[in-house]
Amino acid sequence: MADIKGYNMPDDLYYHREHSWARVDGTRVTVGMTDFFQKEAGDIVFVDFPDEEDEVSQGEVCGKIQSRKWIGNLVAPISGEIVEINEELEEDTTLINSDPYGEGWIVVIEATDDLESELENLIHGDAVVAFIEEEIKRAEEERAKA
């Protein structure tokens, strides 16, 4: 687990710029929202899931996540078919806040054949530190304007 300025960003995950994460297990990819996202959003109150069997493309908005402050997008980090949704979140959306990389996962995607090349489009490894530092700066600038 990597702690970057107070944000938990596990080293084994891949990250999309819109703050979804991808945990790859063969061709099955578990997807959720980052610790940064949940801390910025505050308490999650509603998740609008895609349907199982929906086809999604990398970068496509496939759901919405609502907090008391605002509504954010669930963006597919990779292309494929939604094969599972986390039904536990229908009863307790705060799992995204309390355990974003564990019980707070959102969907599982069966990846297309392009998985390896699509992973290259995501943020991983050393690039995660710079990404989170940029996002912290952007968030601070937005708060200063408000």
C-alpha atoms as a PDB file:
ATOM      1  CA  MET A   1       0.000   0.000   0.000  1.00  0.00           C
ATOM      2  CA  ALA A   2       1.363   3.367  -0.980  1.00  0.00           C
ATOM      3  CA  ASP A   3       0.462   6.382   1.116  1.00  0.00           C
ATOM      4  CA  ILE A   4       0.746   9.530  -0.975  1.00  0.00           C
ATOM      5  CA  LYS A   5       0.226  12.673   1.099  1.00  0.00           C
ATOM      6  CA  GLY A   6      -2.486  10.992   3.173  1.00  0.00           C
ATOM      7  CA  TYR A   7      -4.154   9.130   0.311  1.00  0.00           C
ATOM      8  CA  ASN A   8      -4.005   5.346   0.154  1.00  0.00           C
ATOM      9  CA  MET A   9      -3.089   4.336  -3.414  1.00  0.00           C
ATOM     10  CA  PRO A  10      -2.194   0.601  -3.561  1.00  0.00           C
ATOM     11  CA  ASP A  11       0.806  -0.169  -5.768  1.00  0.00           C
ATOM     12  CA  ASP A  12      -0.803  -3.176  -7.476  1.00  0.00           C
ATOM     13  CA  LEU A  13      -3.686  -1.206  -8.995  1.00  0.00           C
ATOM     14  CA  TYR A  14      -4.090   0.738 -12.227  1.00  0.00           C
ATOM     15  CA  TYR A  15      -5.772   4.147 -12.096  1.00  0.00           C
ATOM     16  CA  HIS A  16      -7.877   6.117 -14.567  1.00  0.00           C
ATOM     17  CA  ARG A  17      -7.641   9.934 -14.513  1.00  0.00           C
ATOM     18  CA  GLU A  18     -11.302  10.028 -13.395  1.00  0.00           C
ATOM     19  CA  HIS A  19     -10.345   8.164 -10.203  1.00  0.00           C
ATOM     20  CA  SER A  20     -11.594   4.693 -10.942  1.00  0.00           C
ATOM     21  CA  TRP A  21      -9.153   1.890 -10.125  1.00  0.00           C
ATOM     22  CA  ALA A  22      -8.623  -1.499 -11.734  1.00  0.00           C
ATOM     23  CA  ARG A  23      -7.402  -4.691 -10.049  1.00  0.00           C
ATOM     24  CA  VAL A  24      -6.451  -7.203 -12.735  1.00  0.00           C
ATOM     25  CA  ASP A  25      -6.915 -10.938 -12.147  1.00  0.00           C
ATOM     26  CA  GLY A  26      -6.396 -12.675 -15.474  1.00  0.00           C
ATOM     27  CA  THR A  27      -9.098 -11.215 -17.725  1.00  0.00           C
ATOM     28  CA  ARG A  28     -11.381 -10.237 -14.836  1.00  0.00           C
ATOM     29  CA  VAL A  29     -10.932  -6.676 -13.653  1.00  0.00           C
ATOM     30  CA  THR A  30     -12.452  -5.435 -10.411  1.00  0.00           C
ATOM     31  CA  VAL A  31     -13.258  -1.708 -10.492  1.00  0.00           C
ATOM     32  CA  GLY A  32     -13.874   0.840  -7.763  1.00  0.00           C
ATOM     33  CA  MET A  33     -13.210   4.454  -6.861  1.00  0.00           C
ATOM     34  CA  THR A  34      -9.973   5.710  -5.309  1.00  0.00           C
ATOM     35  CA  ASP A  35      -9.368   6.860  -1.761  1.00  0.00           C
ATOM     36  CA  PHE A  36      -8.790  10.354  -3.189  1.00  0.00           C
ATOM     37  CA  PHE A  37     -12.249  10.290  -4.826  1.00  0.00           C
ATOM     38  CA  GLN A  38     -14.068   9.156  -1.704  1.00  0.00           C
ATOM     39  CA  LYS A  39     -12.308  11.707   0.510  1.00  0.00           C
ATOM     40  CA  GLU A  40     -13.102  14.549  -1.906  1.00  0.00           C
ATOM     41  CA  ALA A  41     -16.709  13.380  -2.386  1.00  0.00           C
ATOM     42  CA  GLY A  42     -17.506  12.834   1.268  1.00  0.00           C
ATOM     43  CA  ASP A  43     -20.175  10.361   2.333  1.00  0.00           C
ATOM     44  CA  ILE A  44     -21.450   8.371  -0.634  1.00  0.00           C
ATOM     45  CA  VAL A  45     -25.263   8.202  -0.579  1.00  0.00           C
ATOM     46  CA  PHE A  46     -26.166   6.566  -3.921  1.00  0.00           C
ATOM     47  CA  VAL A  47     -24.594   4.497  -6.697  1.00  0.00           C
ATOM     48  CA  ASP A  48     -26.171   4.242 -10.153  1.00  0.00           C
ATOM     49  CA  PHE A  49     -24.767   0.966 -11.463  1.00  0.00           C
ATOM     50  CA  PRO A  50     -24.411  -0.214 -15.026  1.00  0.00           C
ATOM     51  CA  ASP A  51     -26.315  -3.427 -15.752  1.00  0.00           C
ATOM     52  CA  GLU A  52     -24.683  -6.832 -15.800  1.00  0.00           C
ATOM     53  CA  GLU A  53     -23.939  -7.839 -19.405  1.00  0.00           C
ATOM     54  CA  ASP A  54     -23.508  -4.173 -20.450  1.00  0.00           C
ATOM     55  CA  GLU A  55     -20.556  -3.637 -22.767  1.00  0.00           C
ATOM     56  CA  VAL A  56     -18.314  -0.743 -21.730  1.00  0.00           C
ATOM     57  CA  SER A  57     -15.397   0.976 -23.429  1.00  0.00           C
ATOM     58  CA  GLN A  58     -12.305   2.337 -21.750  1.00  0.00           C
ATOM     59  CA  GLY A  59     -12.974   5.908 -20.627  1.00  0.00           C
ATOM     60  CA  GLU A  60     -16.756   5.600 -20.959  1.00  0.00           C
ATOM     61  CA  VAL A  61     -19.027   6.806 -18.151  1.00  0.00           C
ATOM     62  CA  CYS A  62     -20.863   3.671 -17.030  1.00  0.00           C
ATOM     63  CA  GLY A  63     -22.397   4.817 -13.752  1.00  0.00           C
ATOM     64  CA  LYS A  64     -22.837   7.683 -11.315  1.00  0.00           C
ATOM     65  CA  ILE A  65     -21.787   8.036  -7.702  1.00  0.00           C
ATOM     66  CA  GLN A  66     -23.577  10.591  -5.565  1.00  0.00           C
ATOM     67  CA  SER A  67     -22.452  12.112  -2.309  1.00  0.00           C
ATOM     68  CA  ARG A  68     -24.052  14.821  -0.228  1.00  0.00           C
ATOM     69  CA  LYS A  69     -21.817  17.341  -2.052  1.00  0.00           C
ATOM     70  CA  TRP A  70     -22.021  16.297  -5.704  1.00  0.00           C
ATOM     71  CA  ILE A  71     -22.438  13.611  -8.347  1.00  0.00           C
ATOM     72  CA  GLY A  72     -19.358  11.970  -9.848  1.00  0.00           C
ATOM     73  CA  ASN A  73     -18.868   9.621 -12.771  1.00  0.00           C
ATOM     74  CA  LEU A  74     -17.893   5.976 -12.654  1.00  0.00           C
ATOM     75  CA  VAL A  75     -15.600   5.695 -15.671  1.00  0.00           C
ATOM     76  CA  ALA A  76     -14.668   2.279 -17.059  1.00  0.00           C
ATOM     77  CA  PRO A  77     -10.876   1.976 -16.756  1.00  0.00           C
ATOM     78  CA  ILE A  78     -10.867  -0.825 -19.330  1.00  0.00           C
ATOM     79  CA  SER A  79     -13.191  -2.187 -22.039  1.00  0.00           C
ATOM     80  CA  GLY A  80     -15.282  -5.304 -21.647  1.00  0.00           C
ATOM     81  CA  GLU A  81     -18.517  -6.726 -20.295  1.00  0.00           C
ATOM     82  CA  ILE A  82     -19.902  -6.003 -16.828  1.00  0.00           C
ATOM     83  CA  VAL A  83     -20.115  -9.466 -15.259  1.00  0.00           C
ATOM     84  CA  GLU A  84     -20.812  -8.549 -11.640  1.00  0.00           C
ATOM     85  CA  ILE A  85     -21.987  -5.577  -9.600  1.00  0.00           C
ATOM     86  CA  ASN A  86     -21.447  -5.150  -5.877  1.00  0.00           C
ATOM     87  CA  GLU A  87     -24.981  -5.598  -4.584  1.00  0.00           C
ATOM     88  CA  GLU A  88     -23.756  -4.907  -1.037  1.00  0.00           C
ATOM     89  CA  LEU A  89     -23.530  -1.230  -2.061  1.00  0.00           C
ATOM     90  CA  GLU A  90     -27.295  -1.139  -2.633  1.00  0.00           C
ATOM     91  CA  GLU A  91     -27.659  -1.631   1.130  1.00  0.00           C
ATOM     92  CA  ASP A  92     -24.574   0.288   2.317  1.00  0.00           C
ATOM     93  CA  THR A  93     -23.000   2.834  -0.064  1.00  0.00           C
ATOM     94  CA  THR A  94     -20.605   3.970   2.681  1.00  0.00           C
ATOM     95  CA  LEU A  95     -18.467   0.874   1.978  1.00  0.00           C
ATOM     96  CA  ILE A  96     -16.925   3.034  -0.767  1.00  0.00           C
ATOM     97  CA  ASN A  97     -15.834   5.448   1.978  1.00  0.00           C
ATOM     98  CA  SER A  98     -14.787   2.926   4.597  1.00  0.00           C
ATOM     99  CA  ASP A  99     -13.099   0.330   2.351  1.00  0.00           C
ATOM    100  CA  PRO A 100     -12.673   1.685  -1.214  1.00  0.00           C
ATOM    101  CA  TYR A 101     -10.253  -1.073  -2.288  1.00  0.00           C
ATOM    102  CA  GLY A 102     -11.968  -3.960  -0.505  1.00  0.00           C
ATOM    103  CA  GLU A 103     -15.674  -4.288   0.246  1.00  0.00           C
ATOM    104  CA  GLY A 104     -16.337  -0.973  -1.531  1.00  0.00           C
ATOM    105  CA  TRP A 105     -15.566  -2.329  -5.033  1.00  0.00           C
ATOM    106  CA  ILE A 106     -18.263  -1.433  -7.568  1.00  0.00           C
ATOM    107  CA  VAL A 107     -18.187  -3.730 -10.619  1.00  0.00           C
ATOM    108  CA  VAL A 108     -16.238  -6.560 -12.223  1.00  0.00           C
ATOM    109  CA  ILE A 109     -15.495  -6.364 -15.951  1.00  0.00           C
ATOM    110  CA  GLU A 110     -14.552  -9.312 -18.154  1.00  0.00           C
ATOM    111  CA  ALA A 111     -11.911  -7.550 -20.250  1.00  0.00           C
ATOM    112  CA  THR A 112     -11.687  -7.588 -24.020  1.00  0.00           C
ATOM    113  CA  ASP A 113      -8.644  -8.862 -25.885  1.00  0.00           C
ATOM    114  CA  ASP A 114      -7.157  -5.337 -25.726  1.00  0.00           C
ATOM    115  CA  LEU A 115      -6.544  -5.526 -21.967  1.00  0.00           C
ATOM    116  CA  GLU A 116      -2.732  -5.370 -22.123  1.00  0.00           C
ATOM    117  CA  SER A 117      -2.685  -2.349 -24.438  1.00  0.00           C
ATOM    118  CA  GLU A 118      -5.448  -0.606 -22.459  1.00  0.00           C
ATOM    119  CA  LEU A 119      -3.525  -1.024 -19.201  1.00  0.00           C
ATOM    120  CA  GLU A 120      -0.760   1.062 -20.789  1.00  0.00           C
ATOM    121  CA  ASN A 121      -3.258   3.974 -20.946  1.00  0.00           C
ATOM    122  CA  LEU A 122      -3.762   3.882 -17.178  1.00  0.00           C
ATOM    123  CA  ILE A 123      -1.670   5.364 -14.379  1.00  0.00           C
ATOM    124  CA  HIS A 124       0.502   2.808 -12.595  1.00  0.00           C
ATOM    125  CA  GLY A 125       3.726   2.542 -10.647  1.00  0.00           C
ATOM    126  CA  ASP A 126       5.810   5.675 -10.136  1.00  0.00           C
ATOM    127  CA  ALA A 127       3.378   7.816 -12.155  1.00  0.00           C
ATOM    128  CA  VAL A 128       0.747   7.509  -9.390  1.00  0.00           C
ATOM    129  CA  VAL A 129       2.647   9.894  -7.079  1.00  0.00           C
ATOM    130  CA  ALA A 130       2.740  12.704  -9.658  1.00  0.00           C
ATOM    131  CA  PHE A 131      -0.920  12.079 -10.537  1.00  0.00           C
ATOM    132  CA  ILE A 132      -2.110  12.397  -6.934  1.00  0.00           C
ATOM    133  CA  GLU A 133       0.091  15.452  -6.303  1.00  0.00           C
ATOM    134  CA  GLU A 134      -1.501  17.135  -9.373  1.00  0.00           C
ATOM    135  CA  GLU A 135      -4.990  16.203  -8.169  1.00  0.00           C
ATOM    136  CA  ILE A 136      -4.320  17.590  -4.674  1.00  0.00           C
ATOM    137  CA  LYS A 137      -3.114  20.868  -6.208  1.00  0.00           C
ATOM    138  CA  ARG A 138      -6.157  21.041  -8.533  1.00  0.00           C
ATOM    139  CA  ALA A 139      -8.563  20.351  -5.660  1.00  0.00           C
ATOM    140  CA  GLU A 140      -6.906  23.033  -3.487  1.00  0.00           C
ATOM    141  CA  GLU A 141      -7.156  25.554  -6.343  1.00  0.00           C
ATOM    142  CA  GLU A 142     -10.866  24.760  -6.843  1.00  0.00           C
ATOM    143  CA  ARG A 143     -11.540  25.184  -3.129  1.00  0.00           C
ATOM    144  CA  ALA A 144      -9.695  28.536  -3.130  1.00  0.00           C
ATOM    145  CA  LYS A 145     -11.976  29.773  -5.964  1.00  0.00           C
ATOM    146  CA  ALA A 146     -15.176  28.735  -4.151  1.00  0.00           C
END
